[in-house]
Amino acid sequence: MQKQFKLDKTQIRELATGHGLCVVSDMITVDGHGVGFMYREEPEDADDSGWRFLSGYESDGYIDNSKNFAVIDVNVVANYDEAIIPLLNSPVGAEFDKAEDGETFLDANEP
């Protein structure tokens, strides 16, 4: 079954091109939640940016089901939540939580 994304292809603007692919939760692309947590791990291949995006509402059971995620271009995720854009050049190992203001991210590795 084809997933019904919140944003139509015609709504996707070039905001953060050239970053490659990422893994994103359907809670962002299908349900329309913003990015609540983002982290970068070692890329799996040349096309993978290493970025992983979650809303923060996912349960362990939800995360364990790979059907709840999509592999898409980072630019598409930037169209759902532009607040990720300044962080996209962060190195592997970077982790960010959305601040209570719902607009900015905080470094999750800071004490």
Protein backbone atom coordinates (compact mmCIF):
# COMPACT_ATOMS: atom_id res chain seq x y z
CA MET A 1 0.00 0.00 0.00
CA GLN A 2 1.29 3.46 -0.92
CA LYS A 3 1.77 5.84 2.02
CA GLN A 4 -0.18 9.09 1.89
CA PHE A 5 2.27 11.82 2.83
CA LYS A 6 0.95 15.07 4.34
CA LEU A 7 2.80 17.14 1.75
CA ASP A 8 2.16 16.58 -1.94
CA LYS A 9 5.17 16.43 -4.28
CA THR A 10 4.11 19.80 -5.69
CA GLN A 11 4.54 21.35 -2.22
CA ILE A 12 8.18 20.28 -1.84
CA ARG A 13 10.58 23.19 -2.22
CA GLU A 14 14.36 23.05 -2.60
CA LEU A 15 15.38 23.99 0.94
CA ALA A 16 18.19 21.56 1.77
CA THR A 17 19.29 19.77 -1.37
CA GLY A 18 22.41 17.69 -1.77
CA HIS A 19 22.37 16.03 1.65
CA GLY A 20 21.33 12.59 0.44
CA LEU A 21 18.81 10.15 1.86
CA CYS A 22 17.61 9.70 5.44
CA VAL A 23 15.27 7.55 7.48
CA VAL A 24 12.15 9.35 8.71
CA SER A 25 9.22 8.28 10.87
CA ASP A 26 5.75 8.19 9.32
CA MET A 27 4.64 10.23 12.33
CA ILE A 28 6.36 13.14 10.57
CA THR A 29 5.62 12.52 6.89
CA VAL A 30 2.20 10.85 7.19
CA ASP A 31 0.77 12.12 10.49
CA GLY A 32 2.24 15.63 10.22
CA HIS A 33 4.12 15.89 13.52
CA GLY A 34 7.27 18.01 13.51
CA VAL A 35 10.72 16.58 14.01
CA GLY A 36 11.20 16.10 17.77
CA PHE A 37 14.50 14.22 17.71
CA MET A 38 17.18 13.90 15.06
CA TYR A 39 20.47 12.08 15.10
CA ARG A 40 23.20 11.18 12.65
CA GLU A 41 24.81 7.76 12.50
CA GLU A 42 27.34 6.21 10.14
CA PRO A 43 25.79 6.17 6.65
CA GLU A 44 24.82 2.73 5.36
CA ASP A 45 25.88 3.52 1.79
CA ALA A 46 26.99 6.37 -0.48
CA ASP A 47 23.44 7.75 -0.83
CA ASP A 48 22.67 7.69 2.91
CA SER A 49 23.28 10.92 4.85
CA GLY A 50 23.17 9.04 8.15
CA TRP A 51 20.35 11.29 9.40
CA ARG A 52 17.42 9.73 11.26
CA PHE A 53 14.33 11.78 12.12
CA LEU A 54 11.69 10.98 14.75
CA SER A 55 8.73 12.95 16.06
CA GLY A 56 9.31 11.91 19.65
CA TYR A 57 5.85 10.30 19.89
CA GLU A 58 6.95 6.88 18.63
CA SER A 59 6.57 3.95 21.03
CA ASP A 60 9.14 1.14 21.15
CA GLY A 61 6.69 -1.06 19.25
CA TYR A 62 6.25 1.61 16.59
CA ILE A 63 10.02 1.96 16.18
CA ASP A 64 10.46 -1.81 15.94
CA ASN A 65 8.22 -1.93 12.82
CA SER A 66 10.25 -0.87 9.78
CA LYS A 67 7.00 -0.26 7.86
CA ASN A 68 6.56 2.89 10.00
CA PHE A 69 9.56 4.54 8.36
CA ALA A 70 10.53 5.77 4.90
CA VAL A 71 13.86 6.35 3.22
CA ILE A 72 13.58 9.73 1.49
CA ASP A 73 15.69 12.74 0.56
CA VAL A 74 16.67 14.98 3.49
CA ASN A 75 15.23 17.92 1.53
CA VAL A 76 11.74 16.44 1.88
CA VAL A 77 12.08 16.31 5.67
CA ALA A 78 13.29 19.93 5.64
CA ASN A 79 9.97 20.83 4.01
CA TYR A 80 8.14 19.29 6.97
CA ASP A 81 10.34 21.06 9.55
CA GLU A 82 12.69 23.82 8.41
CA ALA A 83 14.29 23.97 11.87
CA ILE A 84 16.48 20.99 10.92
CA ILE A 85 18.27 22.87 8.13
CA PRO A 86 20.98 24.66 10.18
CA LEU A 87 21.98 21.33 11.77
CA LEU A 88 22.35 19.20 8.64
CA ASN A 89 26.13 19.64 8.39
CA SER A 90 26.64 18.27 11.90
CA PRO A 91 28.99 15.28 12.17
CA VAL A 92 28.17 11.61 12.69
CA GLY A 93 27.23 11.17 16.36
CA ALA A 94 25.27 14.43 16.56
CA GLU A 95 21.90 14.25 18.36
CA PHE A 96 19.34 17.01 18.79
CA ASP A 97 16.08 17.31 20.73
CA LYS A 98 13.43 19.89 19.88
CA ALA A 99 13.29 22.59 22.56
CA GLU A 100 10.07 23.35 24.42
CA ASP A 101 9.51 26.37 22.16
CA GLY A 102 8.88 23.91 19.31
CA GLU A 103 11.11 25.97 17.05
CA THR A 104 14.73 25.27 17.94
CA PHE A 105 16.84 22.22 18.67
CA LEU A 106 19.12 21.58 21.63
CA ASP A 107 22.24 19.44 21.49
CA ALA A 108 21.23 16.16 23.16
CA ASN A 109 24.89 15.39 23.91
CA GLU A 110 25.27 18.50 26.09
CA PRO A 111 25.05 17.87 29.86
